[in-house]
Amino acid sequence: MEPTIQFNDIAFFEKIDQYVQVNVDDVILYKDAVGEVQVRRVNEIAPDEETGETVYELDIDHYPTDAIPDVMKTSTTKDTVYGRLVGVNRNLGAVVLFANTVVGRMLFLIVPTILIFYSSQIRRFFDRLGRGNR
């Protein structure tokens, strides 16, 4: 879904209910025929001629250069759609990926634990340091 959602982004979706309307160009979450969650952009909204139910024509934004054109194009009904993109955060996504590395785990788990266990000694050190500057 680049450029809207890029690698390392955290995407925020709102739940679809009777008060949230899906429009053309919205990025949505839906379940496909086998029950897998998919992310696509809405290209067209039209009623089904037989049932009258709302049908969304969906596709991804950019295909790789060697991909078959329109291979990801699909359609779904309104009842399978359960989320609409409301925003992304690039910085938070990088933090989460960093936290999953060995160094990130040490920084976010071990360092706070050490600070908690030695908080009284650290506080006394800074108190003495502060009194020395007066």
N, C-alpha and C. Protein backbone atom coordinates (compact mmCIF):
# COMPACT_ATOMS: atom_id res chain seq x y z
N MET A 1 0.82 -1.19 0.00
CA MET A 1 0.00 0.00 0.00
C MET A 1 0.86 1.26 0.00
N GLU A 2 2.13 1.11 -0.37
CA GLU A 2 2.98 2.29 -0.45
C GLU A 2 2.45 3.22 -1.53
N PRO A 3 2.53 4.49 -1.38
CA PRO A 3 3.22 5.29 -0.38
C PRO A 3 2.37 5.59 0.86
N THR A 4 1.09 5.21 0.89
CA THR A 4 0.25 5.53 2.04
C THR A 4 0.75 4.82 3.29
N ILE A 5 0.95 3.52 3.21
CA ILE A 5 1.51 2.74 4.30
C ILE A 5 2.84 2.19 3.82
N GLN A 6 3.92 2.60 4.48
CA GLN A 6 5.24 2.16 4.06
C GLN A 6 5.78 1.11 5.01
N PHE A 7 6.85 0.46 4.58
CA PHE A 7 7.53 -0.53 5.41
C PHE A 7 7.93 0.14 6.73
N ASN A 8 7.74 -0.54 7.84
CA ASN A 8 8.03 -0.08 9.20
C ASN A 8 6.95 0.83 9.79
N ASP A 9 5.90 1.14 9.07
CA ASP A 9 4.84 1.99 9.61
C ASP A 9 3.93 1.20 10.53
N ILE A 10 3.36 1.88 11.50
CA ILE A 10 2.25 1.33 12.27
C ILE A 10 1.01 2.02 11.74
N ALA A 11 0.05 1.24 11.30
CA ALA A 11 -1.18 1.80 10.72
C ALA A 11 -2.31 1.72 11.74
N PHE A 12 -3.11 2.77 11.79
CA PHE A 12 -4.25 2.83 12.70
C PHE A 12 -5.53 2.79 11.89
N PHE A 13 -6.40 1.83 12.25
CA PHE A 13 -7.67 1.65 11.54
C PHE A 13 -8.81 1.89 12.51
N GLU A 14 -9.90 2.48 11.99
CA GLU A 14 -11.10 2.60 12.81
C GLU A 14 -12.07 1.51 12.41
N LYS A 15 -12.85 1.07 13.38
CA LYS A 15 -13.81 0.00 13.14
C LYS A 15 -14.96 0.52 12.28
N ILE A 16 -15.37 -0.29 11.34
CA ILE A 16 -16.48 0.07 10.46
C ILE A 16 -17.78 -0.32 11.15
N ASP A 17 -18.68 0.64 11.26
CA ASP A 17 -20.03 0.38 11.77
C ASP A 17 -21.00 1.22 10.96
N GLN A 18 -22.23 1.37 11.44
CA GLN A 18 -23.23 2.09 10.66
C GLN A 18 -22.92 3.59 10.55
N TYR A 19 -22.01 4.10 11.40
CA TYR A 19 -21.70 5.53 11.40
C TYR A 19 -20.47 5.88 10.56
N VAL A 20 -19.68 4.88 10.19
CA VAL A 20 -18.46 5.11 9.42
C VAL A 20 -18.73 4.73 7.97
N GLN A 21 -18.49 5.66 7.08
CA GLN A 21 -18.73 5.43 5.66
C GLN A 21 -17.40 5.18 4.95
N VAL A 22 -17.37 4.18 4.10
CA VAL A 22 -16.20 3.88 3.29
C VAL A 22 -16.37 4.61 1.96
N ASN A 23 -15.31 5.30 1.54
CA ASN A 23 -15.34 6.08 0.30
C ASN A 23 -14.29 5.54 -0.67
N VAL A 24 -14.41 5.96 -1.93
CA VAL A 24 -13.40 5.63 -2.93
C VAL A 24 -12.08 6.23 -2.47
N ASP A 25 -10.98 5.52 -2.66
CA ASP A 25 -9.60 5.85 -2.27
C ASP A 25 -9.30 5.59 -0.80
N ASP A 26 -10.25 5.08 -0.02
CA ASP A 26 -9.95 4.68 1.36
C ASP A 26 -9.17 3.37 1.34
N VAL A 27 -8.27 3.22 2.29
CA VAL A 27 -7.57 1.96 2.50
C VAL A 27 -8.35 1.21 3.58
N ILE A 28 -8.71 -0.05 3.29
CA ILE A 28 -9.58 -0.80 4.21
C ILE A 28 -8.95 -2.13 4.60
N LEU A 29 -9.44 -2.67 5.72
CA LEU A 29 -9.16 -4.04 6.14
C LEU A 29 -10.41 -4.85 5.88
N TYR A 30 -10.24 -6.04 5.32
CA TYR A 30 -11.40 -6.91 5.10
C TYR A 30 -10.92 -8.35 5.16
N LYS A 31 -11.87 -9.26 5.31
CA LYS A 31 -11.55 -10.69 5.29
C LYS A 31 -11.92 -11.24 3.92
N ASP A 32 -10.98 -11.97 3.33
CA ASP A 32 -11.24 -12.55 2.02
C ASP A 32 -12.03 -13.85 2.15
N ALA A 33 -12.19 -14.56 1.07
CA ALA A 33 -13.04 -15.75 1.04
C ALA A 33 -12.54 -16.87 1.95
N VAL A 34 -11.23 -16.92 2.21
CA VAL A 34 -10.69 -17.96 3.09
C VAL A 34 -10.51 -17.47 4.53
N GLY A 35 -10.96 -16.24 4.81
CA GLY A 35 -10.91 -15.71 6.16
C GLY A 35 -9.63 -15.00 6.54
N GLU A 36 -8.75 -14.77 5.58
CA GLU A 36 -7.50 -14.05 5.84
C GLU A 36 -7.73 -12.54 5.77
N VAL A 37 -7.06 -11.80 6.63
CA VAL A 37 -7.19 -10.34 6.64
C VAL A 37 -6.36 -9.78 5.49
N GLN A 38 -6.97 -8.90 4.73
CA GLN A 38 -6.32 -8.27 3.58
C GLN A 38 -6.41 -6.75 3.73
N VAL A 39 -5.48 -6.05 3.10
CA VAL A 39 -5.48 -4.59 3.05
C VAL A 39 -5.50 -4.18 1.59
N ARG A 40 -6.45 -3.36 1.22
CA ARG A 40 -6.56 -2.88 -0.16
C ARG A 40 -7.12 -1.46 -0.18
N ARG A 41 -7.00 -0.82 -1.34
CA ARG A 41 -7.58 0.49 -1.55
C ARG A 41 -8.88 0.32 -2.34
N VAL A 42 -9.90 1.07 -1.96
CA VAL A 42 -11.19 1.03 -2.65
C VAL A 42 -11.08 1.85 -3.93
N ASN A 43 -11.31 1.21 -5.06
CA ASN A 43 -11.28 1.91 -6.36
C ASN A 43 -12.66 2.29 -6.85
N GLU A 44 -13.66 1.51 -6.45
CA GLU A 44 -15.03 1.77 -6.93
C GLU A 44 -16.02 1.17 -5.94
N ILE A 45 -17.15 1.84 -5.78
CA ILE A 45 -18.23 1.35 -4.93
C ILE A 45 -19.49 1.30 -5.79
N ALA A 46 -20.11 0.13 -5.83
CA ALA A 46 -21.32 -0.02 -6.65
C ALA A 46 -22.24 -1.06 -6.02
N PRO A 47 -23.53 -0.96 -6.25
CA PRO A 47 -24.44 -2.00 -5.74
C PRO A 47 -24.39 -3.23 -6.64
N ASP A 48 -24.52 -4.40 -6.03
CA ASP A 48 -24.60 -5.65 -6.78
C ASP A 48 -25.93 -5.65 -7.53
N GLU A 49 -25.90 -5.99 -8.81
CA GLU A 49 -27.11 -5.96 -9.63
C GLU A 49 -28.15 -6.99 -9.18
N GLU A 50 -27.69 -8.12 -8.67
CA GLU A 50 -28.62 -9.17 -8.27
C GLU A 50 -29.18 -8.96 -6.86
N THR A 51 -28.29 -8.66 -5.91
CA THR A 51 -28.71 -8.58 -4.51
C THR A 51 -28.94 -7.16 -4.02
N GLY A 52 -28.37 -6.18 -4.70
CA GLY A 52 -28.48 -4.80 -4.26
C GLY A 52 -27.50 -4.45 -3.14
N GLU A 53 -26.69 -5.42 -2.73
CA GLU A 53 -25.71 -5.21 -1.67
C GLU A 53 -24.54 -4.36 -2.17
N THR A 54 -23.95 -3.55 -1.30
CA THR A 54 -22.82 -2.71 -1.67
C THR A 54 -21.58 -3.57 -1.91
N VAL A 55 -20.94 -3.36 -3.05
CA VAL A 55 -19.74 -4.11 -3.43
C VAL A 55 -18.60 -3.12 -3.64
N TYR A 56 -17.44 -3.43 -3.05
CA TYR A 56 -16.25 -2.60 -3.19
C TYR A 56 -15.28 -3.28 -4.15
N GLU A 57 -14.86 -2.54 -5.16
CA GLU A 57 -13.81 -3.00 -6.07
C GLU A 57 -12.49 -2.55 -5.49
N LEU A 58 -11.57 -3.49 -5.25
CA LEU A 58 -10.34 -3.23 -4.50
C LEU A 58 -9.10 -3.58 -5.30
N ASP A 59 -8.00 -2.91 -4.98
CA ASP A 59 -6.71 -3.23 -5.59
C ASP A 59 -5.60 -2.64 -4.72
N ILE A 60 -4.38 -3.09 -4.94
CA ILE A 60 -3.24 -2.50 -4.25
C ILE A 60 -2.78 -1.29 -5.05
N ASP A 61 -1.91 -0.47 -4.45
CA ASP A 61 -1.50 0.77 -5.10
C ASP A 61 -0.44 0.56 -6.18
N HIS A 62 0.61 -0.17 -5.86
CA HIS A 62 1.73 -0.32 -6.80
C HIS A 62 2.11 -1.78 -6.95
N TYR A 63 2.21 -2.22 -8.19
CA TYR A 63 2.66 -3.57 -8.48
C TYR A 63 4.16 -3.54 -8.76
N PRO A 64 4.89 -4.59 -8.38
CA PRO A 64 6.30 -4.67 -8.76
C PRO A 64 6.41 -4.71 -10.28
N THR A 65 7.56 -4.34 -10.79
CA THR A 65 7.74 -4.24 -12.25
C THR A 65 7.52 -5.57 -12.97
N ASP A 66 7.85 -6.68 -12.35
CA ASP A 66 7.71 -7.98 -13.02
C ASP A 66 6.40 -8.71 -12.67
N ALA A 67 5.47 -8.04 -11.98
CA ALA A 67 4.22 -8.68 -11.58
C ALA A 67 3.19 -8.66 -12.70
N ILE A 68 2.26 -9.59 -12.63
CA ILE A 68 1.16 -9.64 -13.57
C ILE A 68 0.21 -8.48 -13.23
N PRO A 69 -0.14 -7.64 -14.20
CA PRO A 69 -1.02 -6.51 -13.91
C PRO A 69 -2.38 -6.97 -13.39
N ASP A 70 -2.89 -6.25 -12.40
CA ASP A 70 -4.21 -6.46 -11.81
C ASP A 70 -4.40 -7.83 -11.17
N VAL A 71 -3.32 -8.53 -10.80
CA VAL A 71 -3.45 -9.84 -10.19
C VAL A 71 -4.03 -9.75 -8.78
N MET A 72 -3.87 -8.61 -8.12
CA MET A 72 -4.38 -8.43 -6.76
C MET A 72 -5.74 -7.75 -6.74
N LYS A 73 -6.27 -7.45 -7.90
CA LYS A 73 -7.58 -6.80 -7.99
C LYS A 73 -8.66 -7.77 -7.55
N THR A 74 -9.56 -7.30 -6.71
CA THR A 74 -10.62 -8.15 -6.18
C THR A 74 -11.82 -7.29 -5.82
N SER A 75 -12.87 -7.94 -5.37
CA SER A 75 -14.03 -7.21 -4.88
C SER A 75 -14.53 -7.90 -3.62
N THR A 76 -15.20 -7.12 -2.79
CA THR A 76 -15.74 -7.66 -1.55
C THR A 76 -17.02 -6.92 -1.20
N THR A 77 -17.80 -7.52 -0.33
CA THR A 77 -19.05 -6.88 0.08
C THR A 77 -18.85 -6.09 1.37
N LYS A 78 -19.80 -5.27 1.68
CA LYS A 78 -19.70 -4.39 2.83
C LYS A 78 -19.58 -5.15 4.15
N ASP A 79 -20.21 -6.32 4.24
CA ASP A 79 -20.19 -7.07 5.50
C ASP A 79 -18.84 -7.69 5.84
N THR A 80 -17.90 -7.79 4.88
CA THR A 80 -16.57 -8.32 5.16
C THR A 80 -15.57 -7.24 5.56
N VAL A 81 -15.94 -5.99 5.37
CA VAL A 81 -15.04 -4.87 5.68
C VAL A 81 -15.20 -4.52 7.15
N TYR A 82 -14.08 -4.45 7.87
CA TYR A 82 -14.19 -4.11 9.29
C TYR A 82 -13.23 -3.03 9.74
N GLY A 83 -12.46 -2.40 8.86
CA GLY A 83 -11.58 -1.32 9.28
C GLY A 83 -11.25 -0.38 8.15
N ARG A 84 -11.08 0.91 8.50
CA ARG A 84 -10.69 1.93 7.53
C ARG A 84 -9.48 2.67 8.09
N LEU A 85 -8.48 2.89 7.25
CA LEU A 85 -7.25 3.56 7.67
C LEU A 85 -7.53 4.99 8.07
N VAL A 86 -7.06 5.35 9.28
CA VAL A 86 -7.22 6.73 9.74
C VAL A 86 -5.88 7.43 9.94
N GLY A 87 -4.79 6.67 9.95
CA GLY A 87 -3.48 7.31 10.10
C GLY A 87 -2.36 6.29 10.21
N VAL A 88 -1.14 6.79 10.03
CA VAL A 88 0.06 5.96 10.18
C VAL A 88 1.08 6.72 11.03
N ASN A 89 1.96 5.98 11.68
CA ASN A 89 3.03 6.58 12.45
C ASN A 89 4.32 5.89 12.07
N ARG A 90 5.18 6.61 11.38
CA ARG A 90 6.44 6.04 10.93
C ARG A 90 7.43 5.88 12.09
N ASN A 91 7.48 6.81 13.01
CA ASN A 91 8.44 6.76 14.11
C ASN A 91 8.14 5.63 15.08
N LEU A 92 6.89 5.45 15.44
CA LEU A 92 6.52 4.40 16.38
C LEU A 92 6.80 3.03 15.79
N GLY A 93 6.63 2.88 14.50
CA GLY A 93 6.93 1.61 13.85
C GLY A 93 8.41 1.28 13.94
N ALA A 94 9.27 2.27 13.79
CA ALA A 94 10.72 2.04 13.92
C ALA A 94 11.08 1.65 15.34
N VAL A 95 10.44 2.26 16.33
CA VAL A 95 10.70 1.92 17.73
C VAL A 95 10.30 0.48 18.01
N VAL A 96 9.15 0.06 17.51
CA VAL A 96 8.69 -1.31 17.74
C VAL A 96 9.65 -2.31 17.08
N LEU A 97 10.10 -2.02 15.87
CA LEU A 97 11.05 -2.92 15.21
C LEU A 97 12.37 -2.96 15.97
N PHE A 98 12.83 -1.81 16.47
CA PHE A 98 14.07 -1.77 17.25
C PHE A 98 13.90 -2.56 18.54
N ALA A 99 12.74 -2.47 19.17
CA ALA A 99 12.49 -3.18 20.42
C ALA A 99 12.51 -4.70 20.22
N ASN A 100 12.35 -5.17 19.00
CA ASN A 100 12.38 -6.61 18.72
C ASN A 100 13.78 -7.13 18.43
N THR A 101 14.79 -6.24 18.44
CA THR A 101 16.17 -6.69 18.28
C THR A 101 16.76 -6.99 19.65
N VAL A 102 17.91 -7.64 19.68
CA VAL A 102 18.56 -7.97 20.95
C VAL A 102 18.93 -6.69 21.70
N VAL A 103 19.52 -5.74 21.00
CA VAL A 103 19.90 -4.48 21.64
C VAL A 103 18.66 -3.73 22.12
N GLY A 104 17.61 -3.74 21.33
CA GLY A 104 16.38 -3.07 21.72
C GLY A 104 15.75 -3.69 22.95
N ARG A 105 15.76 -5.00 23.03
CA ARG A 105 15.22 -5.68 24.22
C ARG A 105 16.02 -5.34 25.45
N MET A 106 17.35 -5.30 25.29
CA MET A 106 18.18 -4.92 26.43
C MET A 106 17.87 -3.50 26.86
N LEU A 107 17.76 -2.61 25.91
CA LEU A 107 17.51 -1.21 26.23
C LEU A 107 16.15 -1.01 26.87
N PHE A 108 15.11 -1.65 26.35
CA PHE A 108 13.75 -1.42 26.84
C PHE A 108 13.32 -2.34 27.99
N LEU A 109 14.06 -3.42 28.25
CA LEU A 109 13.69 -4.32 29.34
C LEU A 109 14.70 -4.33 30.48
N ILE A 110 15.96 -4.53 30.14
CA ILE A 110 16.98 -4.67 31.17
C ILE A 110 17.32 -3.33 31.82
N VAL A 111 17.51 -2.29 31.03
CA VAL A 111 17.87 -0.98 31.58
C VAL A 111 16.79 -0.46 32.54
N PRO A 112 15.50 -0.46 32.19
CA PRO A 112 14.50 -0.02 33.17
C PRO A 112 14.47 -0.89 34.43
N THR A 113 14.70 -2.18 34.27
CA THR A 113 14.72 -3.06 35.45
C THR A 113 15.86 -2.68 36.38
N ILE A 114 17.03 -2.42 35.83
CA ILE A 114 18.17 -1.99 36.65
C ILE A 114 17.87 -0.66 37.31
N LEU A 115 17.27 0.26 36.57
CA LEU A 115 16.93 1.57 37.15
C LEU A 115 15.94 1.44 38.30
N ILE A 116 15.01 0.52 38.20
CA ILE A 116 14.03 0.32 39.28
C ILE A 116 14.72 -0.25 40.52
N PHE A 117 15.58 -1.26 40.33
CA PHE A 117 16.25 -1.87 41.48
C PHE A 117 17.23 -0.92 42.17
N TYR A 118 17.86 -0.05 41.40
CA TYR A 118 18.85 0.86 41.97
C TYR A 118 18.35 2.29 42.05
N SER A 119 17.04 2.49 42.05
CA SER A 119 16.49 3.85 42.04
C SER A 119 16.87 4.65 43.28
N SER A 120 16.89 4.02 44.46
CA SER A 120 17.24 4.77 45.67
C SER A 120 18.71 5.21 45.63
N GLN A 121 19.61 4.35 45.16
CA GLN A 121 21.01 4.74 45.05
C GLN A 121 21.20 5.84 44.02
N ILE A 122 20.48 5.76 42.91
CA ILE A 122 20.57 6.79 41.87
C ILE A 122 20.04 8.11 42.40
N ARG A 123 18.93 8.08 43.13
CA ARG A 123 18.35 9.29 43.70
C ARG A 123 19.33 9.94 44.69
N ARG A 124 19.96 9.13 45.56
CA ARG A 124 20.92 9.66 46.52
C ARG A 124 22.12 10.28 45.81
N PHE A 125 22.58 9.65 44.73
CA PHE A 125 23.70 10.19 43.96
C PHE A 125 23.36 11.57 43.41
N PHE A 126 22.18 11.72 42.81
CA PHE A 126 21.81 13.01 42.24
C PHE A 126 21.52 14.06 43.32
N ASP A 127 21.03 13.61 44.48
CA ASP A 127 20.85 14.55 45.59
C ASP A 127 22.20 15.10 46.05
N ARG A 128 23.20 14.23 46.20
CA ARG A 128 24.54 14.68 46.59
C ARG A 128 25.15 15.57 45.51
N LEU A 129 24.92 15.21 44.27
CA LEU A 129 25.44 16.01 43.15
C LEU A 129 24.81 17.39 43.13
N GLY A 130 23.51 17.47 43.41
CA GLY A 130 22.81 18.75 43.44
C GLY A 130 23.25 19.62 44.60
N ARG A 131 23.53 19.04 45.77
CA ARG A 131 23.98 19.80 46.93
C ARG A 131 25.39 20.33 46.72
N GLY A 132 26.18 19.63 45.94
CA GLY A 132 27.55 20.05 45.71
C GLY A 132 27.63 21.29 44.83
N ASN A 133 26.62 21.54 43.98
CA ASN A 133 26.63 22.70 43.08
C ASN A 133 26.11 23.96 43.73
N ARG A 134 25.57 23.89 44.95
CA ARG A 134 24.98 25.06 45.58
C ARG A 134 25.98 25.86 46.32
